[in-house]
């Protein structure tokens, strides 16, 4: 089986998200909700892969260590 690309996976998850909504017209801030969840997932995945080493994490993520620390705090990610 061929693996799907990230965009296809995200589109599938968004389809599921919208299907479970009772009234799609009342859904708000979808962009912010999705982006927050994606950021959390990426940071947690990289955190596990790099054994919590923030220097390596920031290199993999392509952001400064300071930005990474701010995101971890803002998103409430447990270290």
Protein backbone atom coordinates (compact mmCIF):
# COMPACT_ATOMS: atom_id res chain seq x y z
CA UNK A 1 0.00 0.00 0.00
CA UNK A 2 1.29 3.42 -0.94
CA UNK A 3 1.52 5.93 1.87
CA UNK A 4 -0.55 9.08 1.64
CA UNK A 5 1.06 12.49 1.76
CA UNK A 6 0.52 14.90 4.63
CA UNK A 7 -1.96 17.08 2.74
CA UNK A 8 -4.14 14.06 1.92
CA UNK A 9 -4.07 12.90 5.54
CA UNK A 10 -5.03 16.36 6.80
CA UNK A 11 -7.86 16.62 4.25
CA UNK A 12 -9.23 13.26 5.42
CA UNK A 13 -9.11 14.34 9.07
CA UNK A 14 -10.83 17.63 8.24
CA UNK A 15 -13.56 15.76 6.37
CA UNK A 16 -14.13 13.66 9.49
CA UNK A 17 -14.11 16.77 11.69
CA UNK A 18 -16.79 18.46 9.61
CA UNK A 19 -18.89 15.30 9.39
CA UNK A 20 -19.25 15.08 13.17
CA UNK A 21 -20.34 18.72 13.55
CA UNK A 22 -24.06 19.05 14.22
CA UNK A 23 -24.36 22.44 12.55
CA UNK A 24 -21.50 23.35 10.24
CA UNK A 25 -22.65 26.98 10.19
CA UNK A 26 -21.82 27.29 13.90
CA UNK A 27 -18.24 26.08 13.56
CA UNK A 28 -15.83 28.92 14.30
CA UNK A 29 -12.09 29.42 14.33
CA UNK A 30 -11.42 26.21 12.42
CA UNK A 31 -8.08 27.56 11.22
CA UNK A 32 -6.89 28.39 14.73
CA UNK A 33 -8.15 25.12 16.19
CA UNK A 34 -6.48 23.03 13.48
CA UNK A 35 -3.21 24.95 13.54
CA UNK A 36 -2.98 24.64 17.33
CA UNK A 37 -3.55 20.89 17.21
CA UNK A 38 -1.02 20.46 14.40
CA UNK A 39 1.60 22.47 16.29
CA UNK A 40 1.06 20.41 19.42
CA UNK A 41 1.33 17.14 17.51
CA UNK A 42 4.50 18.18 15.67
CA UNK A 43 6.24 19.46 18.78
CA UNK A 44 5.33 16.36 20.80
CA UNK A 45 6.49 14.02 18.02
CA UNK A 46 9.81 15.84 17.63
CA UNK A 47 10.20 16.06 21.41
CA UNK A 48 9.94 12.26 21.69
CA UNK A 49 12.26 11.70 18.72
CA UNK A 50 14.91 14.05 20.12
CA UNK A 51 14.47 12.85 23.73
CA UNK A 52 13.48 16.36 24.80
CA UNK A 53 16.73 17.96 23.59
CA UNK A 54 15.50 21.44 22.72
CA UNK A 55 18.56 22.38 20.69
CA UNK A 56 18.02 19.39 18.40
CA UNK A 57 14.26 19.99 18.41
CA UNK A 58 14.65 23.58 17.27
CA UNK A 59 16.99 22.48 14.48
CA UNK A 60 14.55 19.82 13.26
CA UNK A 61 11.60 22.22 13.46
CA UNK A 62 13.50 25.09 11.84
CA UNK A 63 12.71 27.55 14.62
CA UNK A 64 14.85 29.20 17.27
CA UNK A 65 15.12 27.62 20.70
CA UNK A 66 13.51 30.73 22.18
CA UNK A 67 10.51 30.38 19.82
CA UNK A 68 10.27 26.68 20.67
CA UNK A 69 10.21 27.45 24.42
CA UNK A 70 7.47 30.04 23.89
CA UNK A 71 5.38 27.60 21.85
CA UNK A 72 5.80 24.83 24.44
CA UNK A 73 4.63 27.20 27.16
CA UNK A 74 1.80 28.76 25.12
CA UNK A 75 0.46 25.38 23.98
CA UNK A 76 0.73 23.86 27.47
CA UNK A 77 2.96 20.99 26.38
CA UNK A 78 4.41 18.97 29.24
CA UNK A 79 8.14 18.51 28.93
